[in-house]
Amino acid sequence: RLAECCIMAYHMSIIEEKTVDDSRK
């Protein structure tokens, strides 16, 4: 479960960064 938390948090941060980068691009 702890590993799943880390994976989900990382995945959500990637999506957030991608959204910001896409708006800039």
mmCIF file of all heavy atoms, coordinates in Angstrom:
data_MODEL
# 
_entry.id   MODEL 
# 
loop_
_atom_site.group_PDB 
_atom_site.id 
_atom_site.type_symbol 
_atom_site.label_atom_id 
_atom_site.label_alt_id 
_atom_site.label_comp_id 
_atom_site.label_asym_id 
_atom_site.label_entity_id 
_atom_site.label_seq_id 
_atom_site.pdbx_PDB_ins_code 
_atom_site.Cartn_x 
_atom_site.Cartn_y 
_atom_site.Cartn_z 
_atom_site.occupancy 
_atom_site.B_iso_or_equiv 
_atom_site.pdbx_formal_charge 
_atom_site.auth_seq_id 
_atom_site.auth_comp_id 
_atom_site.auth_asym_id 
_atom_site.auth_atom_id 
_atom_site.pdbx_PDB_model_num 
ATOM 1   N N   . ARG A 1 1  ? 0.829  -1.216 0.000   1.00 0.00 ? 1  ARG A N   1 
ATOM 2   C CA  . ARG A 1 1  ? 0.000  0.000  0.000   1.00 0.00 ? 1  ARG A CA  1 
ATOM 3   C C   . ARG A 1 1  ? 0.856  1.255  0.000   1.00 0.00 ? 1  ARG A C   1 
ATOM 4   O O   . ARG A 1 1  ? 0.530  2.253  -0.662  1.00 0.00 ? 1  ARG A O   1 
ATOM 5   C CB  . ARG A 1 1  ? -0.924 0.008  1.221   1.00 0.00 ? 1  ARG A CB  1 
ATOM 6   C CG  . ARG A 1 1  ? -1.895 -1.160 1.299   1.00 0.00 ? 1  ARG A CG  1 
ATOM 7   C CD  . ARG A 1 1  ? -2.743 -1.299 0.061   1.00 0.00 ? 1  ARG A CD  1 
ATOM 8   N NE  . ARG A 1 1  ? -3.655 -2.424 0.156   1.00 0.00 ? 1  ARG A NE  1 
ATOM 9   C CZ  . ARG A 1 1  ? -4.251 -2.998 -0.872  1.00 0.00 ? 1  ARG A CZ  1 
ATOM 10  N NH1 . ARG A 1 1  ? -4.003 -2.570 -2.091  1.00 0.00 ? 1  ARG A NH1 1 
ATOM 11  N NH2 . ARG A 1 1  ? -5.083 -4.002 -0.692  1.00 0.00 ? 1  ARG A NH2 1 
ATOM 12  N N   . LEU A 1 2  ? 1.951  1.234  0.743   1.00 0.00 ? 2  LEU A N   1 
ATOM 13  C CA  . LEU A 1 2  ? 2.850  2.388  0.748   1.00 0.00 ? 2  LEU A CA  1 
ATOM 14  C C   . LEU A 1 2  ? 3.451  2.625  -0.643  1.00 0.00 ? 2  LEU A C   1 
ATOM 15  O O   . LEU A 1 2  ? 3.573  3.773  -1.098  1.00 0.00 ? 2  LEU A O   1 
ATOM 16  C CB  . LEU A 1 2  ? 3.973  2.181  1.774   1.00 0.00 ? 2  LEU A CB  1 
ATOM 17  C CG  . LEU A 1 2  ? 3.567  2.349  3.242   1.00 0.00 ? 2  LEU A CG  1 
ATOM 18  C CD1 . LEU A 1 2  ? 4.676  1.845  4.160   1.00 0.00 ? 2  LEU A CD1 1 
ATOM 19  C CD2 . LEU A 1 2  ? 3.258  3.804  3.550   1.00 0.00 ? 2  LEU A CD2 1 
ATOM 20  N N   . ALA A 1 3  ? 3.800  1.532  -1.318  1.00 0.00 ? 3  ALA A N   1 
ATOM 21  C CA  . ALA A 1 3  ? 4.326  1.653  -2.684  1.00 0.00 ? 3  ALA A CA  1 
ATOM 22  C C   . ALA A 1 3  ? 3.261  2.228  -3.622  1.00 0.00 ? 3  ALA A C   1 
ATOM 23  O O   . ALA A 1 3  ? 3.558  3.080  -4.472  1.00 0.00 ? 3  ALA A O   1 
ATOM 24  C CB  . ALA A 1 3  ? 4.796  0.286  -3.181  1.00 0.00 ? 3  ALA A CB  1 
ATOM 25  N N   . GLU A 1 4  ? 2.024  1.784  -3.447  1.00 0.00 ? 4  GLU A N   1 
ATOM 26  C CA  . GLU A 1 4  ? 0.920  2.312  -4.277  1.00 0.00 ? 4  GLU A CA  1 
ATOM 27  C C   . GLU A 1 4  ? 0.725  3.807  -4.035  1.00 0.00 ? 4  GLU A C   1 
ATOM 28  O O   . GLU A 1 4  ? 0.434  4.553  -4.966  1.00 0.00 ? 4  GLU A O   1 
ATOM 29  C CB  . GLU A 1 4  ? -0.367 1.548  -3.974  1.00 0.00 ? 4  GLU A CB  1 
ATOM 30  C CG  . GLU A 1 4  ? -0.364 0.122  -4.494  1.00 0.00 ? 4  GLU A CG  1 
ATOM 31  C CD  . GLU A 1 4  ? -1.635 -0.628 -4.127  1.00 0.00 ? 4  GLU A CD  1 
ATOM 32  O OE1 . GLU A 1 4  ? -2.384 -0.122 -3.268  1.00 0.00 ? 4  GLU A OE1 1 
ATOM 33  O OE2 . GLU A 1 4  ? -1.874 -1.700 -4.711  1.00 0.00 ? 4  GLU A OE2 1 
ATOM 34  N N   . CYS A 1 5  ? 0.879  4.236  -2.785  1.00 0.00 ? 5  CYS A N   1 
ATOM 35  C CA  . CYS A 1 5  ? 0.774  5.665  -2.476  1.00 0.00 ? 5  CYS A CA  1 
ATOM 36  C C   . CYS A 1 5  ? 1.836  6.463  -3.230  1.00 0.00 ? 5  CYS A C   1 
ATOM 37  O O   . CYS A 1 5  ? 1.547  7.528  -3.810  1.00 0.00 ? 5  CYS A O   1 
ATOM 38  C CB  . CYS A 1 5  ? 0.927  5.901  -0.972  1.00 0.00 ? 5  CYS A CB  1 
ATOM 39  S SG  . CYS A 1 5  ? -0.464 5.349  0.012   1.00 0.00 ? 5  CYS A SG  1 
ATOM 40  N N   . CYS A 1 6  ? 3.065  5.956  -3.196  1.00 0.00 ? 6  CYS A N   1 
ATOM 41  C CA  . CYS A 1 6  ? 4.171  6.646  -3.884  1.00 0.00 ? 6  CYS A CA  1 
ATOM 42  C C   . CYS A 1 6  ? 3.930  6.703  -5.393  1.00 0.00 ? 6  CYS A C   1 
ATOM 43  O O   . CYS A 1 6  ? 4.139  7.750  -6.036  1.00 0.00 ? 6  CYS A O   1 
ATOM 44  C CB  . CYS A 1 6  ? 5.492  5.951  -3.583  1.00 0.00 ? 6  CYS A CB  1 
ATOM 45  S SG  . CYS A 1 6  ? 5.955  5.980  -1.838  1.00 0.00 ? 6  CYS A SG  1 
ATOM 46  N N   . ILE A 1 7  ? 3.480  5.600  -5.966  1.00 0.00 ? 7  ILE A N   1 
ATOM 47  C CA  . ILE A 1 7  ? 3.239  5.546  -7.412  1.00 0.00 ? 7  ILE A CA  1 
ATOM 48  C C   . ILE A 1 7  ? 2.117  6.497  -7.799  1.00 0.00 ? 7  ILE A C   1 
ATOM 49  O O   . ILE A 1 7  ? 2.224  7.244  -8.780  1.00 0.00 ? 7  ILE A O   1 
ATOM 50  C CB  . ILE A 1 7  ? 2.900  4.107  -7.850  1.00 0.00 ? 7  ILE A CB  1 
ATOM 51  C CG1 . ILE A 1 7  ? 4.127  3.203  -7.675  1.00 0.00 ? 7  ILE A CG1 1 
ATOM 52  C CG2 . ILE A 1 7  ? 2.427  4.067  -9.294  1.00 0.00 ? 7  ILE A CG2 1 
ATOM 53  C CD1 . ILE A 1 7  ? 3.831  1.728  -7.834  1.00 0.00 ? 7  ILE A CD1 1 
ATOM 54  N N   . MET A 1 8  ? 1.030  6.486  -7.015  1.00 0.00 ? 8  MET A N   1 
ATOM 55  C CA  . MET A 1 8  ? -0.103 7.360  -7.329  1.00 0.00 ? 8  MET A CA  1 
ATOM 56  C C   . MET A 1 8  ? 0.278  8.831  -7.198  1.00 0.00 ? 8  MET A C   1 
ATOM 57  O O   . MET A 1 8  ? -0.095 9.659  -8.040  1.00 0.00 ? 8  MET A O   1 
ATOM 58  C CB  . MET A 1 8  ? -1.291 7.051  -6.418  1.00 0.00 ? 8  MET A CB  1 
ATOM 59  C CG  . MET A 1 8  ? -2.531 7.874  -6.728  1.00 0.00 ? 8  MET A CG  1 
ATOM 60  S SD  . MET A 1 8  ? -3.927 7.523  -5.637  1.00 0.00 ? 8  MET A SD  1 
ATOM 61  C CE  . MET A 1 8  ? -4.376 5.873  -6.208  1.00 0.00 ? 8  MET A CE  1 
ATOM 62  N N   . ALA A 1 9  ? 1.020  9.166  -6.138  1.00 0.00 ? 9  ALA A N   1 
ATOM 63  C CA  . ALA A 1 9  ? 1.438  10.557 -5.938  1.00 0.00 ? 9  ALA A CA  1 
ATOM 64  C C   . ALA A 1 9  ? 2.342  11.012 -7.081  1.00 0.00 ? 9  ALA A C   1 
ATOM 65  O O   . ALA A 1 9  ? 2.201  12.132 -7.593  1.00 0.00 ? 9  ALA A O   1 
ATOM 66  C CB  . ALA A 1 9  ? 2.149  10.696 -4.599  1.00 0.00 ? 9  ALA A CB  1 
ATOM 67  N N   . TYR A 1 10 ? 3.267  10.133 -7.496  1.00 0.00 ? 10 TYR A N   1 
ATOM 68  C CA  . TYR A 1 10 ? 4.164  10.473 -8.609  1.00 0.00 ? 10 TYR A CA  1 
ATOM 69  C C   . TYR A 1 10 ? 3.382  10.629 -9.909  1.00 0.00 ? 10 TYR A C   1 
ATOM 70  O O   . TYR A 1 10 ? 3.600  11.578 -10.670 1.00 0.00 ? 10 TYR A O   1 
ATOM 71  C CB  . TYR A 1 10 ? 5.221  9.379  -8.755  1.00 0.00 ? 10 TYR A CB  1 
ATOM 72  C CG  . TYR A 1 10 ? 6.151  9.594  -9.932  1.00 0.00 ? 10 TYR A CG  1 
ATOM 73  C CD1 . TYR A 1 10 ? 7.154  10.553 -9.891  1.00 0.00 ? 10 TYR A CD1 1 
ATOM 74  C CD2 . TYR A 1 10 ? 6.013  8.827  -11.098 1.00 0.00 ? 10 TYR A CD2 1 
ATOM 75  C CE1 . TYR A 1 10 ? 8.003  10.752 -10.968 1.00 0.00 ? 10 TYR A CE1 1 
ATOM 76  C CE2 . TYR A 1 10 ? 6.852  9.010  -12.174 1.00 0.00 ? 10 TYR A CE2 1 
ATOM 77  C CZ  . TYR A 1 10 ? 7.842  9.973  -12.115 1.00 0.00 ? 10 TYR A CZ  1 
ATOM 78  O OH  . TYR A 1 10 ? 8.670  10.171 -13.188 1.00 0.00 ? 10 TYR A OH  1 
ATOM 79  N N   . HIS A 1 11 ? 2.450  9.737  -10.136 1.00 0.00 ? 11 HIS A N   1 
ATOM 80  C CA  . HIS A 1 11 ? 1.642  9.786  -11.358 1.00 0.00 ? 11 HIS A CA  1 
ATOM 81  C C   . HIS A 1 11 ? 0.824  11.079 -11.404 1.00 0.00 ? 11 HIS A C   1 
ATOM 82  O O   . HIS A 1 11 ? 0.732  11.726 -12.464 1.00 0.00 ? 11 HIS A O   1 
ATOM 83  C CB  . HIS A 1 11 ? 0.707  8.574  -11.404 1.00 0.00 ? 11 HIS A CB  1 
ATOM 84  C CG  . HIS A 1 11 ? -0.141 8.511  -12.638 1.00 0.00 ? 11 HIS A CG  1 
ATOM 85  N ND1 . HIS A 1 11 ? 0.380  8.347  -13.903 1.00 0.00 ? 11 HIS A ND1 1 
ATOM 86  C CD2 . HIS A 1 11 ? -1.498 8.602  -12.797 1.00 0.00 ? 11 HIS A CD2 1 
ATOM 87  C CE1 . HIS A 1 11 ? -0.589 8.333  -14.803 1.00 0.00 ? 11 HIS A CE1 1 
ATOM 88  N NE2 . HIS A 1 11 ? -1.746 8.488  -14.142 1.00 0.00 ? 11 HIS A NE2 1 
ATOM 89  N N   . MET A 1 12 ? 0.247  11.461 -10.269 1.00 0.00 ? 12 MET A N   1 
ATOM 90  C CA  . MET A 1 12 ? -0.555 12.691 -10.220 1.00 0.00 ? 12 MET A CA  1 
ATOM 91  C C   . MET A 1 12 ? 0.315  13.923 -10.442 1.00 0.00 ? 12 MET A C   1 
ATOM 92  O O   . MET A 1 12 ? -0.106 14.881 -11.093 1.00 0.00 ? 12 MET A O   1 
ATOM 93  C CB  . MET A 1 12 ? -1.282 12.776 -8.876  1.00 0.00 ? 12 MET A CB  1 
ATOM 94  C CG  . MET A 1 12 ? -2.379 11.733 -8.704  1.00 0.00 ? 12 MET A CG  1 
ATOM 95  S SD  . MET A 1 12 ? -3.106 11.701 -7.059  1.00 0.00 ? 12 MET A SD  1 
ATOM 96  C CE  . MET A 1 12 ? -3.982 13.262 -7.034  1.00 0.00 ? 12 MET A CE  1 
ATOM 97  N N   . SER A 1 13 ? 1.549  13.888 -9.911  1.00 0.00 ? 13 SER A N   1 
ATOM 98  C CA  . SER A 1 13 ? 2.448  15.031 -10.111 1.00 0.00 ? 13 SER A CA  1 
ATOM 99  C C   . SER A 1 13 ? 2.879  15.142 -11.571 1.00 0.00 ? 13 SER A C   1 
ATOM 100 O O   . SER A 1 13 ? 3.009  16.252 -12.118 1.00 0.00 ? 13 SER A O   1 
ATOM 101 C CB  . SER A 1 13 ? 3.675  14.903 -9.206  1.00 0.00 ? 13 SER A CB  1 
ATOM 102 O OG  . SER A 1 13 ? 4.464  13.787 -9.588  1.00 0.00 ? 13 SER A OG  1 
ATOM 103 N N   . ILE A 1 14 ? 3.085  13.989 -12.235 1.00 0.00 ? 14 ILE A N   1 
ATOM 104 C CA  . ILE A 1 14 ? 3.464  13.992 -13.654 1.00 0.00 ? 14 ILE A CA  1 
ATOM 105 C C   . ILE A 1 14 ? 2.337  14.580 -14.500 1.00 0.00 ? 14 ILE A C   1 
ATOM 106 O O   . ILE A 1 14 ? 2.566  15.392 -15.416 1.00 0.00 ? 14 ILE A O   1 
ATOM 107 C CB  . ILE A 1 14 ? 3.806  12.567 -14.128 1.00 0.00 ? 14 ILE A CB  1 
ATOM 108 C CG1 . ILE A 1 14 ? 5.108  12.083 -13.481 1.00 0.00 ? 14 ILE A CG1 1 
ATOM 109 C CG2 . ILE A 1 14 ? 3.906  12.507 -15.647 1.00 0.00 ? 14 ILE A CG2 1 
ATOM 110 C CD1 . ILE A 1 14 ? 6.332  12.885 -13.893 1.00 0.00 ? 14 ILE A CD1 1 
ATOM 111 N N   . ILE A 1 15 ? 1.101  14.161 -14.200 1.00 0.00 ? 15 ILE A N   1 
ATOM 112 C CA  . ILE A 1 15 ? -0.045 14.672 -14.950 1.00 0.00 ? 15 ILE A CA  1 
ATOM 113 C C   . ILE A 1 15 ? -0.171 16.179 -14.764 1.00 0.00 ? 15 ILE A C   1 
ATOM 114 O O   . ILE A 1 15 ? -0.436 16.927 -15.718 1.00 0.00 ? 15 ILE A O   1 
ATOM 115 C CB  . ILE A 1 15 ? -1.339 13.960 -14.496 1.00 0.00 ? 15 ILE A CB  1 
ATOM 116 C CG1 . ILE A 1 15 ? -1.290 12.488 -14.914 1.00 0.00 ? 15 ILE A CG1 1 
ATOM 117 C CG2 . ILE A 1 15 ? -2.564 14.644 -15.078 1.00 0.00 ? 15 ILE A CG2 1 
ATOM 118 C CD1 . ILE A 1 15 ? -2.473 11.682 -14.416 1.00 0.00 ? 15 ILE A CD1 1 
ATOM 119 N N   . GLU A 1 16 ? 0.042  16.640 -13.523 1.00 0.00 ? 16 GLU A N   1 
ATOM 120 C CA  . GLU A 1 16 ? -0.061 18.075 -13.245 1.00 0.00 ? 16 GLU A CA  1 
ATOM 121 C C   . GLU A 1 16 ? 1.012  18.860 -13.993 1.00 0.00 ? 16 GLU A C   1 
ATOM 122 O O   . GLU A 1 16 ? 0.745  19.907 -14.590 1.00 0.00 ? 16 GLU A O   1 
ATOM 123 C CB  . GLU A 1 16 ? 0.065  18.299 -11.736 1.00 0.00 ? 16 GLU A CB  1 
ATOM 124 C CG  . GLU A 1 16 ? -0.142 19.745 -11.322 1.00 0.00 ? 16 GLU A CG  1 
ATOM 125 C CD  . GLU A 1 16 ? -0.057 19.927 -9.820  1.00 0.00 ? 16 GLU A CD  1 
ATOM 126 O OE1 . GLU A 1 16 ? -0.052 18.900 -9.100  1.00 0.00 ? 16 GLU A OE1 1 
ATOM 127 O OE2 . GLU A 1 16 ? 0.005  21.079 -9.373  1.00 0.00 ? 16 GLU A OE2 1 
ATOM 128 N N   . GLU A 1 17 ? 2.261  18.325 -13.966 1.00 0.00 ? 17 GLU A N   1 
ATOM 129 C CA  . GLU A 1 17 ? 3.348  19.000 -14.680 1.00 0.00 ? 17 GLU A CA  1 
ATOM 130 C C   . GLU A 1 17 ? 3.100  18.998 -16.183 1.00 0.00 ? 17 GLU A C   1 
ATOM 131 O O   . GLU A 1 17 ? 3.368  19.984 -16.874 1.00 0.00 ? 17 GLU A O   1 
ATOM 132 C CB  . GLU A 1 17 ? 4.672  18.309 -14.368 1.00 0.00 ? 17 GLU A CB  1 
ATOM 133 C CG  . GLU A 1 17 ? 5.151  18.522 -12.946 1.00 0.00 ? 17 GLU A CG  1 
ATOM 134 C CD  . GLU A 1 17 ? 6.442  17.783 -12.679 1.00 0.00 ? 17 GLU A CD  1 
ATOM 135 O OE1 . GLU A 1 17 ? 6.978  17.180 -13.628 1.00 0.00 ? 17 GLU A OE1 1 
ATOM 136 O OE2 . GLU A 1 17 ? 6.901  17.803 -11.516 1.00 0.00 ? 17 GLU A OE2 1 
ATOM 137 N N   . LYS A 1 18 ? 2.580  17.890 -16.689 1.00 0.00 ? 18 LYS A N   1 
ATOM 138 C CA  . LYS A 1 18 ? 2.312  17.786 -18.121 1.00 0.00 ? 18 LYS A CA  1 
ATOM 139 C C   . LYS A 1 18 ? 1.246  18.782 -18.549 1.00 0.00 ? 18 LYS A C   1 
ATOM 140 O O   . LYS A 1 18 ? 1.339  19.398 -19.623 1.00 0.00 ? 18 LYS A O   1 
ATOM 141 C CB  . LYS A 1 18 ? 1.873  16.365 -18.466 1.00 0.00 ? 18 LYS A CB  1 
ATOM 142 C CG  . LYS A 1 18 ? 1.725  16.123 -19.954 1.00 0.00 ? 18 LYS A CG  1 
ATOM 143 C CD  . LYS A 1 18 ? 1.361  14.675 -20.240 1.00 0.00 ? 18 LYS A CD  1 
ATOM 144 C CE  . LYS A 1 18 ? 1.213  14.442 -21.740 1.00 0.00 ? 18 LYS A CE  1 
ATOM 145 N NZ  . LYS A 1 18 ? 0.833  13.043 -22.030 1.00 0.00 ? 18 LYS A NZ  1 
ATOM 146 N N   . THR A 1 19 ? 0.235  18.953 -17.690 1.00 0.00 ? 19 THR A N   1 
ATOM 147 C CA  . THR A 1 19 ? -0.825 19.916 -18.000 1.00 0.00 ? 19 THR A CA  1 
ATOM 148 C C   . THR A 1 19 ? -0.271 21.326 -18.085 1.00 0.00 ? 19 THR A C   1 
ATOM 149 O O   . THR A 1 19 ? -0.604 22.098 -18.988 1.00 0.00 ? 19 THR A O   1 
ATOM 150 C CB  . THR A 1 19 ? -1.926 19.846 -16.924 1.00 0.00 ? 19 THR A CB  1 
ATOM 151 O OG1 . THR A 1 19 ? -2.423 18.517 -16.850 1.00 0.00 ? 19 THR A OG1 1 
ATOM 152 C CG2 . THR A 1 19 ? -3.057 20.792 -17.252 1.00 0.00 ? 19 THR A CG2 1 
ATOM 153 N N   . VAL A 1 20 ? 0.617  21.637 -17.130 1.00 0.00 ? 20 VAL A N   1 
ATOM 154 C CA  . VAL A 1 20 ? 1.229  22.976 -17.135 1.00 0.00 ? 20 VAL A CA  1 
ATOM 155 C C   . VAL A 1 20 ? 2.135  23.148 -18.343 1.00 0.00 ? 20 VAL A C   1 
ATOM 156 O O   . VAL A 1 20 ? 2.115  24.185 -19.024 1.00 0.00 ? 20 VAL A O   1 
ATOM 157 C CB  . VAL A 1 20 ? 2.023  23.196 -15.825 1.00 0.00 ? 20 VAL A CB  1 
ATOM 158 C CG1 . VAL A 1 20 ? 2.790  24.507 -15.892 1.00 0.00 ? 20 VAL A CG1 1 
ATOM 159 C CG2 . VAL A 1 20 ? 1.080  23.176 -14.633 1.00 0.00 ? 20 VAL A CG2 1 
ATOM 160 N N   . ASP A 1 21 ? 2.934  22.124 -18.650 1.00 0.00 ? 21 ASP A N   1 
ATOM 161 C CA  . ASP A 1 21 ? 3.848  22.204 -19.799 1.00 0.00 ? 21 ASP A CA  1 
ATOM 162 C C   . ASP A 1 21 ? 3.078  22.316 -21.104 1.00 0.00 ? 21 ASP A C   1 
ATOM 163 O O   . ASP A 1 21 ? 3.487  23.073 -22.008 1.00 0.00 ? 21 ASP A O   1 
ATOM 164 C CB  . ASP A 1 21 ? 4.749  20.969 -19.837 1.00 0.00 ? 21 ASP A CB  1 
ATOM 165 C CG  . ASP A 1 21 ? 5.758  20.971 -18.694 1.00 0.00 ? 21 ASP A CG  1 
ATOM 166 O OD1 . ASP A 1 21 ? 5.963  22.060 -18.108 1.00 0.00 ? 21 ASP A OD1 1 
ATOM 167 O OD2 . ASP A 1 21 ? 6.311  19.896 -18.385 1.00 0.00 ? 21 ASP A OD2 1 
ATOM 168 N N   . ASP A 1 22 ? 1.969  21.579 -21.212 1.00 0.00 ? 22 ASP A N   1 
ATOM 169 C CA  . ASP A 1 22 ? 1.173  21.627 -22.439 1.00 0.00 ? 22 ASP A CA  1 
ATOM 170 C C   . ASP A 1 22 ? 0.596  23.013 -22.656 1.00 0.00 ? 22 ASP A C   1 
ATOM 171 O O   . ASP A 1 22 ? 0.526  23.510 -23.793 1.00 0.00 ? 22 ASP A O   1 
ATOM 172 C CB  . ASP A 1 22 ? 0.044  20.599 -22.392 1.00 0.00 ? 22 ASP A CB  1 
ATOM 173 C CG  . ASP A 1 22 ? 0.567  19.179 -22.561 1.00 0.00 ? 22 ASP A CG  1 
ATOM 174 O OD1 . ASP A 1 22 ? 1.736  19.041 -22.992 1.00 0.00 ? 22 ASP A OD1 1 
ATOM 175 O OD2 . ASP A 1 22 ? -0.182 18.230 -22.258 1.00 0.00 ? 22 ASP A OD2 1 
ATOM 176 N N   . SER A 1 23 ? 0.190  23.663 -21.574 1.00 0.00 ? 23 SER A N   1 
ATOM 177 C CA  . SER A 1 23 ? -0.369 25.014 -21.717 1.00 0.00 ? 23 SER A CA  1 
ATOM 178 C C   . SER A 1 23 ? 0.709  25.999 -22.141 1.00 0.00 ? 23 SER A C   1 
ATOM 179 O O   . SER A 1 23 ? 0.463  26.939 -22.893 1.00 0.00 ? 23 SER A O   1 
ATOM 180 C CB  . SER A 1 23 ? -1.004 25.465 -20.396 1.00 0.00 ? 23 SER A CB  1 
ATOM 181 O OG  . SER A 1 23 ? -0.014 25.546 -19.374 1.00 0.00 ? 23 SER A OG  1 
ATOM 182 N N   . ARG A 1 24 ? 1.948  25.750 -21.660 1.00 0.00 ? 24 ARG A N   1 
ATOM 183 C CA  . ARG A 1 24 ? 3.053  26.621 -22.068 1.00 0.00 ? 24 ARG A CA  1 
ATOM 184 C C   . ARG A 1 24 ? 3.442  26.372 -23.525 1.00 0.00 ? 24 ARG A C   1 
ATOM 185 O O   . ARG A 1 24 ? 3.687  27.288 -24.289 1.00 0.00 ? 24 ARG A O   1 
ATOM 186 C CB  . ARG A 1 24 ? 4.260  26.368 -21.164 1.00 0.00 ? 24 ARG A CB  1 
ATOM 187 C CG  . ARG A 1 24 ? 4.059  26.844 -19.728 1.00 0.00 ? 24 ARG A CG  1 
ATOM 188 C CD  . ARG A 1 24 ? 5.229  26.446 -18.864 1.00 0.00 ? 24 ARG A CD  1 
ATOM 189 N NE  . ARG A 1 24 ? 5.067  26.888 -17.487 1.00 0.00 ? 24 ARG A NE  1 
ATOM 190 C CZ  . ARG A 1 24 ? 5.879  26.546 -16.494 1.00 0.00 ? 24 ARG A CZ  1 
ATOM 191 N NH1 . ARG A 1 24 ? 6.929  25.751 -16.750 1.00 0.00 ? 24 ARG A NH1 1 
ATOM 192 N NH2 . ARG A 1 24 ? 5.660  26.980 -15.278 1.00 0.00 ? 24 ARG A NH2 1 
ATOM 193 N N   . LYS A 1 25 ? 3.481  25.060 -23.897 1.00 0.00 ? 25 LYS A N   1 
ATOM 194 C CA  . LYS A 1 25 ? 3.890  24.704 -25.247 1.00 0.00 ? 25 LYS A CA  1 
ATOM 195 C C   . LYS A 1 25 ? 2.891  25.217 -26.288 1.00 0.00 ? 25 LYS A C   1 
ATOM 196 O O   . LYS A 1 25 ? 3.257  25.597 -27.392 1.00 0.00 ? 25 LYS A O   1 
ATOM 197 C CB  . LYS A 1 25 ? 4.041  23.200 -25.370 1.00 0.00 ? 25 LYS A CB  1 
ATOM 198 C CG  . LYS A 1 25 ? 5.236  22.638 -24.610 1.00 0.00 ? 25 LYS A CG  1 
ATOM 199 C CD  . LYS A 1 25 ? 5.268  21.126 -24.713 1.00 0.00 ? 25 LYS A CD  1 
ATOM 200 C CE  . LYS A 1 25 ? 6.426  20.547 -23.918 1.00 0.00 ? 25 LYS A CE  1 
ATOM 201 N NZ  . LYS A 1 25 ? 6.432  19.067 -23.965 1.00 0.00 ? 25 LYS A NZ  1 
# 
